[in-house]
C-alpha atoms as a PDB file:
ATOM      1  CA  MET A   1     -11.949 -30.938   0.180  1.00  0.00           C
ATOM      2  CA  THR A   2      -9.542 -32.468  -2.326  1.00  0.00           C
ATOM      3  CA  TYR A   3      -9.812 -33.884  -5.814  1.00  0.00           C
ATOM      4  CA  GLU A   4      -8.974 -37.330  -4.428  1.00  0.00           C
ATOM      5  CA  GLU A   5     -11.895 -37.213  -1.979  1.00  0.00           C
ATOM      6  CA  VAL A   6     -14.234 -36.306  -4.846  1.00  0.00           C
ATOM      7  CA  ARG A   7     -12.837 -39.167  -6.936  1.00  0.00           C
ATOM      8  CA  GLN A   8     -13.459 -41.602  -4.073  1.00  0.00           C
ATOM      9  CA  ALA A   9     -17.003 -40.287  -3.715  1.00  0.00           C
ATOM     10  CA  ALA A  10     -17.613 -40.870  -7.427  1.00  0.00           C
ATOM     11  CA  ALA A  11     -16.584 -44.512  -7.144  1.00  0.00           C
ATOM     12  CA  ARG A  12     -18.849 -44.924  -4.113  1.00  0.00           C
ATOM     13  CA  ILE A  13     -22.045 -43.433  -5.547  1.00  0.00           C
ATOM     14  CA  ARG A  14     -21.673 -44.222  -9.276  1.00  0.00           C
ATOM     15  CA  PRO A  15     -23.659 -47.496  -9.188  1.00  0.00           C
ATOM     16  CA  HIS A  16     -26.711 -45.733  -7.798  1.00  0.00           C
ATOM     17  CA  LEU A  17     -27.004 -42.536  -9.870  1.00  0.00           C
ATOM     18  CA  HIS A  18     -27.181 -41.332 -13.458  1.00  0.00           C
ATOM     19  CA  ARG A  19     -24.299 -39.753 -15.322  1.00  0.00           C
ATOM     20  CA  THR A  20     -26.313 -36.772 -16.508  1.00  0.00           C
ATOM     21  CA  PRO A  21     -26.001 -35.526 -20.094  1.00  0.00           C
ATOM     22  CA  ILE A  22     -24.338 -32.364 -21.340  1.00  0.00           C
ATOM     23  CA  LEU A  23     -26.577 -30.644 -23.881  1.00  0.00           C
ATOM     24  CA  GLY A  24     -25.896 -27.893 -26.376  1.00  0.00           C
ATOM     25  CA  SER A  25     -27.973 -25.095 -27.875  1.00  0.00           C
ATOM     26  CA  ARG A  26     -26.786 -23.039 -30.825  1.00  0.00           C
ATOM     27  CA  LEU A  27     -29.178 -20.218 -29.988  1.00  0.00           C
ATOM     28  CA  LEU A  28     -28.212 -20.161 -26.302  1.00  0.00           C
ATOM     29  CA  SER A  29     -24.541 -20.128 -27.246  1.00  0.00           C
ATOM     30  CA  ALA A  30     -25.120 -17.172 -29.569  1.00  0.00           C
ATOM     31  CA  ARG A  31     -27.012 -15.288 -26.867  1.00  0.00           C
ATOM     32  CA  ALA A  32     -24.406 -16.068 -24.189  1.00  0.00           C
ATOM     33  CA  GLY A  33     -21.434 -15.228 -26.428  1.00  0.00           C
ATOM     34  CA  CYS A  34     -19.586 -18.541 -25.988  1.00  0.00           C
ATOM     35  CA  ARG A  35     -19.874 -22.250 -26.699  1.00  0.00           C
ATOM     36  CA  LEU A  36     -22.412 -23.015 -23.984  1.00  0.00           C
ATOM     37  CA  HIS A  37     -22.869 -26.510 -22.557  1.00  0.00           C
ATOM     38  CA  LEU A  38     -25.770 -27.351 -20.244  1.00  0.00           C
ATOM     39  CA  LYS A  39     -25.036 -29.921 -17.530  1.00  0.00           C
ATOM     40  CA  ALA A  40     -28.581 -31.271 -17.282  1.00  0.00           C
ATOM     41  CA  GLU A  41     -28.722 -32.311 -13.649  1.00  0.00           C
ATOM     42  CA  LEU A  42     -32.516 -32.045 -13.706  1.00  0.00           C
ATOM     43  CA  PHE A  43     -32.331 -35.576 -15.193  1.00  0.00           C
ATOM     44  CA  GLN A  44     -30.602 -36.891 -12.073  1.00  0.00           C
ATOM     45  CA  ARG A  45     -32.543 -39.173  -9.737  1.00  0.00           C
ATOM     46  CA  THR A  46     -35.058 -37.122  -7.689  1.00  0.00           C
ATOM     47  CA  GLY A  47     -34.792 -34.317 -10.265  1.00  0.00           C
ATOM     48  CA  SER A  48     -31.685 -32.512  -8.973  1.00  0.00           C
ATOM     49  CA  PHE A  49     -27.997 -32.945  -8.114  1.00  0.00           C
ATOM     50  CA  LYS A  50     -28.733 -33.408  -4.411  1.00  0.00           C
ATOM     51  CA  PRO A  51     -28.594 -37.241  -4.149  1.00  0.00           C
ATOM     52  CA  ARG A  52     -24.879 -37.097  -4.987  1.00  0.00           C
ATOM     53  CA  GLY A  53     -23.973 -35.609  -1.631  1.00  0.00           C
ATOM     54  CA  GLY A  54     -26.677 -37.384   0.329  1.00  0.00           C
ATOM     55  CA  LEU A  55     -25.567 -40.778  -0.916  1.00  0.00           C
ATOM     56  CA  ASN A  56     -21.907 -40.139  -0.248  1.00  0.00           C
ATOM     57  CA  GLU A  57     -22.756 -39.264   3.339  1.00  0.00           C
ATOM     58  CA  VAL A  58     -25.254 -42.047   4.034  1.00  0.00           C
ATOM     59  CA  LEU A  59     -23.143 -44.792   2.484  1.00  0.00           C
ATOM     60  CA  GLN A  60     -20.269 -43.966   4.857  1.00  0.00           C
ATOM     61  CA  LEU A  61     -22.288 -44.096   8.069  1.00  0.00           C
ATOM     62  CA  PRO A  62     -21.264 -46.717  10.641  1.00  0.00           C
ATOM     63  CA  SER A  63     -23.828 -49.454  11.284  1.00  0.00           C
ATOM     64  CA  ALA A  64     -24.974 -48.020  14.635  1.00  0.00           C
ATOM     65  CA  ALA A  65     -25.761 -44.635  13.079  1.00  0.00           C
ATOM     66  CA  ARG A  66     -27.620 -46.338  10.233  1.00  0.00           C
ATOM     67  CA  LEU A  67     -29.865 -48.113  12.712  1.00  0.00           C
ATOM     68  CA  ARG A  68     -30.733 -44.881  14.539  1.00  0.00           C
ATOM     69  CA  GLY A  69     -31.310 -42.910  11.352  1.00  0.00           C
ATOM     70  CA  VAL A  70     -30.514 -39.525   9.847  1.00  0.00           C
ATOM     71  CA  ILE A  71     -32.073 -36.087   9.986  1.00  0.00           C
ATOM     72  CA  THR A  72     -31.753 -33.050   7.764  1.00  0.00           C
ATOM     73  CA  ILE A  73     -33.340 -29.735   6.867  1.00  0.00           C
ATOM     74  CA  SER A  74     -34.278 -28.596   3.378  1.00  0.00           C
ATOM     75  CA  ALA A  75     -36.475 -26.460   1.161  1.00  0.00           C
ATOM     76  CA  GLY A  76     -37.097 -29.505  -1.001  1.00  0.00           C
ATOM     77  CA  ASN A  77     -34.378 -30.860  -3.290  1.00  0.00           C
ATOM     78  CA  HIS A  78     -31.922 -31.798  -0.530  1.00  0.00           C
ATOM     79  CA  ALA A  79     -34.872 -33.340   1.324  1.00  0.00           C
ATOM     80  CA  GLN A  80     -35.600 -35.599  -1.633  1.00  0.00           C
ATOM     81  CA  GLY A  81     -31.913 -36.387  -2.126  1.00  0.00           C
ATOM     82  CA  VAL A  82     -31.441 -37.523   1.468  1.00  0.00           C
ATOM     83  CA  ALA A  83     -34.743 -39.399   1.482  1.00  0.00           C
ATOM     84  CA  TYR A  84     -33.715 -41.269  -1.677  1.00  0.00           C
ATOM     85  CA  ALA A  85     -30.263 -42.054  -0.285  1.00  0.00           C
ATOM     86  CA  ALA A  86     -31.684 -43.235   3.026  1.00  0.00           C
ATOM     87  CA  ARG A  87     -34.224 -45.496   1.328  1.00  0.00           C
ATOM     88  CA  LEU A  88     -31.493 -46.996  -0.843  1.00  0.00           C
ATOM     89  CA  ALA A  89     -29.361 -47.734   2.229  1.00  0.00           C
ATOM     90  CA  GLU A  90     -32.363 -48.828   4.341  1.00  0.00           C
ATOM     91  CA  VAL A  91     -31.764 -46.024   6.847  1.00  0.00           C
ATOM     92  CA  PRO A  92     -34.654 -44.200   8.591  1.00  0.00           C
ATOM     93  CA  ALA A  93     -34.802 -40.530   7.555  1.00  0.00           C
ATOM     94  CA  THR A  94     -36.424 -37.495   9.139  1.00  0.00           C
ATOM     95  CA  VAL A  95     -36.603 -34.252   7.182  1.00  0.00           C
ATOM     96  CA  VAL A  96     -37.575 -30.885   8.657  1.00  0.00           C
ATOM     97  CA  MET A  97     -39.047 -28.389   6.190  1.00  0.00           C
ATOM     98  CA  ALA A  98     -40.547 -24.928   6.537  1.00  0.00           C
ATOM     99  CA  SER A  99     -44.314 -24.869   6.110  1.00  0.00           C
ATOM    100  CA  SER A 100     -43.793 -22.580   3.111  1.00  0.00           C
ATOM    101  CA  ALA A 101     -41.939 -25.346   1.217  1.00  0.00           C
ATOM    102  CA  VAL A 102     -43.318 -26.212  -2.204  1.00  0.00           C
ATOM    103  CA  ARG A 103     -46.046 -28.789  -1.631  1.00  0.00           C
ATOM    104  CA  SER A 104     -44.942 -31.067  -4.458  1.00  0.00           C
ATOM    105  CA  LYS A 105     -41.426 -31.242  -2.936  1.00  0.00           C
ATOM    106  CA  VAL A 106     -42.887 -32.124   0.476  1.00  0.00           C
ATOM    107  CA  GLU A 107     -44.996 -34.906  -1.017  1.00  0.00           C
ATOM    108  CA  ALA A 108     -42.082 -36.222  -3.088  1.00  0.00           C
ATOM    109  CA  THR A 109     -39.919 -36.408   0.058  1.00  0.00           C
ATOM    110  CA  ARG A 110     -42.626 -38.416   1.810  1.00  0.00           C
ATOM    111  CA  GLY A 111     -42.889 -40.583  -1.286  1.00  0.00           C
ATOM    112  CA  TYR A 112     -39.241 -41.591  -0.893  1.00  0.00           C
ATOM    113  CA  GLY A 113     -40.095 -42.823   2.608  1.00  0.00           C
ATOM    114  CA  ALA A 114     -38.889 -40.001   4.871  1.00  0.00           C
ATOM    115  CA  GLU A 115     -40.772 -38.630   7.845  1.00  0.00           C
ATOM    116  CA  VAL A 116     -41.444 -34.948   7.129  1.00  0.00           C
ATOM    117  CA  VAL A 117     -41.755 -32.507  10.028  1.00  0.00           C
ATOM    118  CA  LEU A 118     -43.041 -29.037   9.121  1.00  0.00           C
ATOM    119  CA  ALA A 119     -41.856 -25.928  11.001  1.00  0.00           C
ATOM    120  CA  ALA A 120     -43.212 -22.374  10.946  1.00  0.00           C
ATOM    121  CA  ASP A 121     -40.245 -20.912   9.055  1.00  0.00           C
ATOM    122  CA  VAL A 122     -36.657 -21.702   8.117  1.00  0.00           C
ATOM    123  CA  HIS A 123     -35.245 -20.408  11.422  1.00  0.00           C
ATOM    124  CA  GLU A 124     -37.690 -22.519  13.445  1.00  0.00           C
ATOM    125  CA  ALA A 125     -36.827 -25.458  11.191  1.00  0.00           C
ATOM    126  CA  PHE A 126     -33.165 -25.305  12.239  1.00  0.00           C
ATOM    127  CA  ARG A 127     -34.205 -25.256  15.919  1.00  0.00           C
ATOM    128  CA  THR A 128     -36.508 -28.234  15.317  1.00  0.00           C
ATOM    129  CA  VAL A 129     -33.699 -30.196  13.670  1.00  0.00           C
ATOM    130  CA  GLU A 130     -31.439 -29.679  16.661  1.00  0.00           C
ATOM    131  CA  ARG A 131     -34.163 -30.701  19.108  1.00  0.00           C
ATOM    132  CA  LEU A 132     -35.090 -33.896  17.230  1.00  0.00           C
ATOM    133  CA  ARG A 133     -31.457 -34.787  16.609  1.00  0.00           C
ATOM    134  CA  ALA A 134     -30.732 -34.658  20.334  1.00  0.00           C
ATOM    135  CA  GLU A 135     -33.938 -36.451  21.369  1.00  0.00           C
ATOM    136  CA  ARG A 136     -33.555 -39.317  18.891  1.00  0.00           C
ATOM    137  CA  ASP A 137     -29.742 -39.442  18.660  1.00  0.00           C
ATOM    138  CA  LEU A 138     -29.879 -39.036  14.879  1.00  0.00           C
ATOM    139  CA  HIS A 139     -27.010 -38.313  12.496  1.00  0.00           C
ATOM    140  CA  PHE A 140     -27.421 -34.806  11.076  1.00  0.00           C
ATOM    141  CA  ILE A 141     -26.739 -34.436   7.354  1.00  0.00           C
ATOM    142  CA  HIS A 142     -25.998 -30.774   6.833  1.00  0.00           C
ATOM    143  CA  PRO A 143     -27.559 -29.465   3.601  1.00  0.00           C
ATOM    144  CA  PHE A 144     -24.309 -27.834   2.465  1.00  0.00           C
ATOM    145  CA  ASP A 145     -21.536 -27.522   5.094  1.00  0.00           C
ATOM    146  CA  SER A 146     -20.396 -31.142   5.329  1.00  0.00           C
ATOM    147  CA  PRO A 147     -17.145 -32.553   3.870  1.00  0.00           C
ATOM    148  CA  ARG A 148     -18.716 -35.817   2.735  1.00  0.00           C
ATOM    149  CA  LEU A 149     -21.690 -34.038   1.192  1.00  0.00           C
ATOM    150  CA  ILE A 150     -19.420 -31.553  -0.607  1.00  0.00           C
ATOM    151  CA  ALA A 151     -17.326 -34.414  -2.005  1.00  0.00           C
ATOM    152  CA  GLY A 152     -20.482 -36.054  -3.319  1.00  0.00           C
ATOM    153  CA  GLN A 153     -21.709 -32.868  -4.983  1.00  0.00           C
ATOM    154  CA  GLY A 154     -18.247 -32.490  -6.477  1.00  0.00           C
ATOM    155  CA  THR A 155     -18.758 -35.614  -8.572  1.00  0.00           C
ATOM    156  CA  LEU A 156     -20.780 -33.409 -10.916  1.00  0.00           C
ATOM    157  CA  GLY A 157     -17.653 -31.336 -11.518  1.00  0.00           C
ATOM    158  CA  LEU A 158     -15.624 -34.486 -12.034  1.00  0.00           C
ATOM    159  CA  GLU A 159     -17.986 -35.504 -14.852  1.00  0.00           C
ATOM    160  CA  LEU A 160     -17.702 -32.042 -16.412  1.00  0.00           C
ATOM    161  CA  GLY A 161     -13.916 -32.236 -16.433  1.00  0.00           C
ATOM    162  CA  GLU A 162     -13.964 -35.691 -18.023  1.00  0.00           C
ATOM    163  CA  ASP A 163     -16.615 -34.896 -20.650  1.00  0.00           C
ATOM    164  CA  LEU A 164     -15.371 -31.389 -21.515  1.00  0.00           C
ATOM    165  CA  PRO A 165     -11.554 -31.500 -21.214  1.00  0.00           C
ATOM    166  CA  GLU A 166     -11.192 -28.092 -22.944  1.00  0.00           C
ATOM    167  CA  LEU A 167     -13.574 -26.396 -20.513  1.00  0.00           C
ATOM    168  CA  ASN A 168     -12.775 -22.724 -19.824  1.00  0.00           C
ATOM    169  CA  ALA A 169     -15.433 -21.800 -17.272  1.00  0.00           C
ATOM    170  CA  VAL A 170     -18.280 -23.216 -15.180  1.00  0.00           C
ATOM    171  CA  VAL A 171     -21.250 -21.256 -13.861  1.00  0.00           C
ATOM    172  CA  VAL A 172     -22.764 -22.690 -10.674  1.00  0.00           C
ATOM    173  CA  PRO A 173     -25.903 -21.672  -8.731  1.00  0.00           C
ATOM    174  CA  ILE A 174     -25.354 -21.025  -5.008  1.00  0.00           C
ATOM    175  CA  GLY A 175     -27.738 -21.694  -2.156  1.00  0.00           C
ATOM    176  CA  GLY A 176     -25.726 -22.690   0.897  1.00  0.00           C
ATOM    177  CA  GLY A 177     -22.613 -23.347  -1.171  1.00  0.00           C
ATOM    178  CA  GLY A 178     -22.281 -27.131  -1.178  1.00  0.00           C
ATOM    179  CA  LEU A 179     -22.442 -27.559  -4.946  1.00  0.00           C
ATOM    180  CA  ILE A 180     -19.970 -24.836  -5.860  1.00  0.00           C
ATOM    181  CA  SER A 181     -17.574 -26.056  -3.152  1.00  0.00           C
ATOM    182  CA  GLY A 182     -17.606 -29.557  -4.587  1.00  0.00           C
ATOM    183  CA  VAL A 183     -17.317 -28.412  -8.196  1.00  0.00           C
ATOM    184  CA  ALA A 184     -14.359 -26.230  -7.231  1.00  0.00           C
ATOM    185  CA  ALA A 185     -12.664 -29.134  -5.450  1.00  0.00           C
ATOM    186  CA  ALA A 186     -13.095 -31.298  -8.539  1.00  0.00           C
ATOM    187  CA  LEU A 187     -12.012 -28.786 -11.166  1.00  0.00           C
ATOM    188  CA  ARG A 188      -9.502 -26.436  -9.545  1.00  0.00           C
ATOM    189  CA  THR A 189      -6.582 -28.843  -9.542  1.00  0.00           C
ATOM    190  CA  PRO A 190      -2.953 -27.663  -9.981  1.00  0.00           C
ATOM    191  CA  ARG A 191      -3.136 -28.577 -13.679  1.00  0.00           C
ATOM    192  CA  SER A 192      -6.468 -26.852 -14.323  1.00  0.00           C
ATOM    193  CA  ARG A 193      -7.196 -23.264 -15.278  1.00  0.00           C
ATOM    194  CA  VAL A 194     -10.970 -23.573 -15.328  1.00  0.00           C
ATOM    195  CA  ARG A 195     -12.665 -20.417 -14.071  1.00  0.00           C
ATOM    196  CA  ILE A 196     -15.558 -20.981 -11.675  1.00  0.00           C
ATOM    197  CA  PHE A 197     -18.333 -18.435 -11.229  1.00  0.00           C
ATOM    198  CA  GLY A 198     -21.156 -18.512  -8.691  1.00  0.00           C
ATOM    199  CA  VAL A 199     -24.675 -17.129  -9.126  1.00  0.00           C
ATOM    200  CA  GLU A 200     -27.122 -16.043  -6.429  1.00  0.00           C
ATOM    201  CA  PRO A 201     -30.583 -14.468  -6.530  1.00  0.00           C
ATOM    202  CA  GLU A 202     -30.689 -10.806  -5.550  1.00  0.00           C
ATOM    203  CA  GLY A 203     -33.229 -11.735  -2.880  1.00  0.00           C
ATOM    204  CA  ALA A 204     -30.950 -14.293  -1.172  1.00  0.00           C
ATOM    205  CA  PRO A 205     -27.337 -13.067  -1.470  1.00  0.00           C
ATOM    206  CA  THR A 206     -25.879 -15.244   1.266  1.00  0.00           C
ATOM    207  CA  MET A 207     -22.464 -15.891  -0.286  1.00  0.00           C
ATOM    208  CA  THR A 208     -22.153 -12.295  -1.474  1.00  0.00           C
ATOM    209  CA  ARG A 209     -22.792 -11.036   2.057  1.00  0.00           C
ATOM    210  CA  ALA A 210     -20.424 -13.596   3.565  1.00  0.00           C
ATOM    211  CA  LEU A 211     -17.609 -12.648   1.195  1.00  0.00           C
ATOM    212  CA  ALA A 212     -18.071  -8.983   2.066  1.00  0.00           C
ATOM    213  CA  ALA A 213     -18.142  -9.662   5.810  1.00  0.00           C
ATOM    214  CA  GLY A 214     -15.372 -12.275   5.832  1.00  0.00           C
ATOM    215  CA  SER A 215     -17.606 -14.805   7.599  1.00  0.00           C
ATOM    216  CA  PRO A 216     -21.086 -16.326   7.166  1.00  0.00           C
ATOM    217  CA  VAL A 217     -23.943 -13.859   7.653  1.00  0.00           C
ATOM    218  CA  ARG A 218     -27.460 -15.008   8.558  1.00  0.00           C
ATOM    219  CA  LEU A 219     -30.191 -13.419   6.447  1.00  0.00           C
ATOM    220  CA  GLU A 220     -33.290 -12.687   8.475  1.00  0.00           C
ATOM    221  CA  SER A 221     -35.494 -12.589   5.381  1.00  0.00           C
ATOM    222  CA  MET A 222     -35.235 -13.754   1.774  1.00  0.00           C
ATOM    223  CA  ALA A 223     -37.392 -12.916  -1.234  1.00  0.00           C
ATOM    224  CA  THR A 224     -36.822 -14.907  -4.410  1.00  0.00           C
ATOM    225  CA  ILE A 225     -38.692 -17.302  -6.677  1.00  0.00           C
ATOM    226  CA  ALA A 226     -35.638 -19.598  -6.512  1.00  0.00           C
ATOM    227  CA  ASP A 227     -36.545 -21.464  -3.321  1.00  0.00           C
ATOM    228  CA  GLY A 228     -33.707 -23.914  -3.951  1.00  0.00           C
ATOM    229  CA  LEU A 229     -31.198 -21.063  -3.561  1.00  0.00           C
ATOM    230  CA  ALA A 230     -32.758 -19.473  -0.483  1.00  0.00           C
ATOM    231  CA  ALA A 231     -30.480 -20.752   2.268  1.00  0.00           C
ATOM    232  CA  PRO A 232     -30.372 -18.328   5.229  1.00  0.00           C
ATOM    233  CA  PHE A 233     -26.553 -18.542   5.460  1.00  0.00           C
ATOM    234  CA  VAL A 234     -23.574 -20.286   3.878  1.00  0.00           C
ATOM    235  CA  GLY A 235     -21.248 -22.677   5.631  1.00  0.00           C
ATOM    236  CA  GLU A 236     -17.745 -21.961   6.878  1.00  0.00           C
ATOM    237  CA  LEU A 237     -16.279 -24.685   4.669  1.00  0.00           C
ATOM    238  CA  ASN A 238     -18.273 -23.458   1.671  1.00  0.00           C
ATOM    239  CA  LEU A 239     -17.112 -19.884   2.160  1.00  0.00           C
ATOM    240  CA  GLU A 240     -13.477 -21.002   2.331  1.00  0.00           C
ATOM    241  CA  HIS A 241     -13.765 -22.932  -0.943  1.00  0.00           C
ATOM    242  CA  VAL A 242     -15.323 -19.912  -2.675  1.00  0.00           C
ATOM    243  CA  ARG A 243     -12.701 -17.506  -1.320  1.00  0.00           C
ATOM    244  CA  ARG A 244      -9.836 -19.695  -2.520  1.00  0.00           C
ATOM    245  CA  GLN A 245     -11.141 -21.228  -5.731  1.00  0.00           C
ATOM    246  CA  VAL A 246     -14.000 -19.180  -7.238  1.00  0.00           C
ATOM    247  CA  GLU A 247     -13.440 -16.324  -9.660  1.00  0.00           C
ATOM    248  CA  ASP A 248     -16.509 -14.268  -8.735  1.00  0.00           C
ATOM    249  CA  VAL A 249     -20.064 -14.482  -7.413  1.00  0.00           C
ATOM    250  CA  VAL A 250     -22.730 -12.508  -9.279  1.00  0.00           C
ATOM    251  CA  LEU A 251     -26.373 -11.682  -8.609  1.00  0.00           C
ATOM    252  CA  VAL A 252     -29.408 -12.130 -10.860  1.00  0.00           C
ATOM    253  CA  SER A 253     -32.929 -10.784 -10.473  1.00  0.00           C
ATOM    254  CA  ASP A 254     -36.076 -12.881 -10.351  1.00  0.00           C
ATOM    255  CA  ASP A 255     -37.109 -11.450 -13.719  1.00  0.00           C
ATOM    256  CA  GLU A 256     -33.789 -12.596 -15.213  1.00  0.00           C
ATOM    257  CA  ILE A 257     -34.366 -16.058 -13.746  1.00  0.00           C
ATOM    258  CA  ARG A 258     -37.873 -16.098 -15.252  1.00  0.00           C
ATOM    259  CA  ALA A 259     -36.491 -15.128 -18.660  1.00  0.00           C
ATOM    260  CA  ALA A 260     -33.935 -17.956 -18.465  1.00  0.00           C
ATOM    261  CA  MET A 261     -36.643 -20.453 -17.438  1.00  0.00           C
ATOM    262  CA  ARG A 262     -38.730 -19.460 -20.465  1.00  0.00           C
ATOM    263  CA  PHE A 263     -35.726 -19.757 -22.758  1.00  0.00           C
ATOM    264  CA  LEU A 264     -34.744 -23.183 -21.439  1.00  0.00           C
ATOM    265  CA  MET A 265     -38.313 -24.463 -21.573  1.00  0.00           C
ATOM    266  CA  THR A 266     -39.141 -23.204 -25.037  1.00  0.00           C
ATOM    267  CA  ARG A 267     -35.800 -23.510 -26.868  1.00  0.00           C
ATOM    268  CA  ALA A 268     -33.896 -26.230 -25.008  1.00  0.00           C
ATOM    269  CA  LYS A 269     -37.059 -28.129 -23.972  1.00  0.00           C
ATOM    270  CA  LEU A 270     -35.804 -28.368 -20.399  1.00  0.00           C
ATOM    271  CA  PHE A 271     -38.510 -28.081 -17.738  1.00  0.00           C
ATOM    272  CA  VAL A 272     -36.386 -26.323 -15.114  1.00  0.00           C
ATOM    273  CA  GLU A 273     -37.145 -24.888 -11.703  1.00  0.00           C
ATOM    274  CA  PRO A 274     -35.999 -21.332 -10.894  1.00  0.00           C
ATOM    275  CA  ALA A 275     -32.819 -22.467  -9.120  1.00  0.00           C
ATOM    276  CA  GLY A 276     -31.956 -24.609 -12.121  1.00  0.00           C
ATOM    277  CA  ALA A 277     -32.165 -21.605 -14.458  1.00  0.00           C
ATOM    278  CA  ALA A 278     -29.975 -19.245 -12.402  1.00  0.00           C
ATOM    279  CA  ALA A 279     -26.658 -20.083 -14.103  1.00  0.00           C
ATOM    280  CA  VAL A 280     -28.138 -19.561 -17.565  1.00  0.00           C
ATOM    281  CA  ALA A 281     -29.785 -16.353 -16.324  1.00  0.00           C
ATOM    282  CA  ALA A 282     -26.390 -14.943 -15.362  1.00  0.00           C
ATOM    283  CA  LEU A 283     -24.952 -15.743 -18.798  1.00  0.00           C
ATOM    284  CA  LEU A 284     -27.907 -14.324 -20.728  1.00  0.00           C
ATOM    285  CA  ALA A 285     -27.804 -11.173 -18.593  1.00  0.00           C
ATOM    286  CA  GLY A 286     -24.112 -10.653 -19.352  1.00  0.00           C
ATOM    287  CA  ARG A 287     -22.999 -11.048 -15.736  1.00  0.00           C
ATOM    288  CA  ILE A 288     -20.275 -13.604 -16.562  1.00  0.00           C
ATOM    289  CA  PRO A 289     -17.198 -12.388 -18.486  1.00  0.00           C
ATOM    290  CA  VAL A 290     -16.789 -14.938 -21.294  1.00  0.00           C
ATOM    291  CA  LEU A 291     -15.077 -14.916 -24.700  1.00  0.00           C
ATOM    292  CA  PRO A 292     -16.558 -16.185 -27.997  1.00  0.00           C
ATOM    293  CA  GLY A 293     -14.122 -19.096 -28.260  1.00  0.00           C
ATOM    294  CA  TRP A 294     -14.641 -20.342 -24.730  1.00  0.00           C
ATOM    295  CA  ASP A 295     -16.310 -23.595 -23.758  1.00  0.00           C
ATOM    296  CA  VAL A 296     -18.559 -22.698 -20.819  1.00  0.00           C
ATOM    297  CA  ALA A 297     -20.721 -25.063 -18.770  1.00  0.00           C
ATOM    298  CA  ALA A 298     -23.865 -23.882 -16.994  1.00  0.00           C
ATOM    299  CA  ILE A 299     -25.176 -26.241 -14.332  1.00  0.00           C
ATOM    300  CA  VAL A 300     -28.917 -26.740 -14.721  1.00  0.00           C
ATOM    301  CA  SER A 301     -29.205 -27.952 -11.156  1.00  0.00           C
ATOM    302  CA  GLY A 302     -32.816 -29.112 -10.903  1.00  0.00           C
ATOM    303  CA  GLY A 303     -36.201 -29.509 -12.502  1.00  0.00           C
ATOM    304  CA  ASN A 304     -38.598 -29.947  -9.589  1.00  0.00           C
ATOM    305  CA  VAL A 305     -41.122 -27.347 -10.719  1.00  0.00           C
ATOM    306  CA  ASP A 306     -44.395 -27.155  -8.854  1.00  0.00           C
ATOM    307  CA  LEU A 307     -47.062 -27.567 -11.555  1.00  0.00           C
ATOM    308  CA  GLU A 308     -49.579 -25.538  -9.582  1.00  0.00           C
ATOM    309  CA  SER A 309     -47.344 -22.470  -9.530  1.00  0.00           C
ATOM    310  CA  VAL A 310     -45.456 -22.686 -12.837  1.00  0.00           C
ATOM    311  CA  SER A 311     -47.744 -20.266 -14.683  1.00  0.00           C
ATOM    312  CA  GLY A 312     -47.281 -17.704 -11.915  1.00  0.00           C
ATOM    313  CA  LEU A 313     -43.509 -18.185 -11.965  1.00  0.00           C
ATOM    314  CA  LEU A 314     -43.376 -17.489 -15.683  1.00  0.00           C
ATOM    315  CA  GLY A 315     -46.101 -14.859 -15.830  1.00  0.00           C
ATOM    316  CA  ALA A 316     -44.085 -11.674 -15.233  1.00  0.00           C
ATOM    317  CA  SER A 317     -41.751 -10.452 -17.943  1.00  0.00           C
END
């Protein structure tokens, strides 16, 4: 993906989405050892960055594909993003989710008008998507390995570059890799020296494994509180962006994610989900090499916390 494709995506989706704020915290900056800026994407429509990519894909569909509809697979935030985009464009949407998906995310997806199909697990969900796509002749919106989706997610990076022209580094959570691919395409231009770092949960190290193997690796099991970062593999296109444009990918534990959630909730007053706290977790844990004078952005990618489980998420220290 190129900077120009991201710029075109921004013009396409801008009328329909928020330009999310960049927030500061003196205490967080002191703890992280840099001038830390929080890109508060939890205030985006549907509560995460996901509608950026979904909209860019749906708005470019030919009329025949719009009539037939779209299908996707998701743990929750991408589901809501595609459902919102499809409703906006008056396109039928089917979303396949694992039965273990957070109930509030399932209900929110239905609330945006999508048909939700539940599968036994994430691997069965991918098989179900392929079956329904073929039976109904639907357009598949990949949750992370799609050029149009990556360009849409990259509009977040475009905003960062415009709002923080002296930016030294960006820390990005990684699930399947769509967000970090887009941010890299937006920020790693020939004139830019911005360093980009990725963060994964220890229990779902898909990009870390792919980088080590030289190709995507399917994880048979994942164990993390960050359901939004628990993709079973990364995409080929996503891996290539990370190999060429990303400084490093680091791992954080669930306890470090919990600590970052508490910090963001109590000090920054941001009600974040685990995936949304991962970038801050990496900074607070000292995983990202930063300097005191640096301007560093952490992407707070989502705030779709399940109220029924939030006390359990924050309970362990």
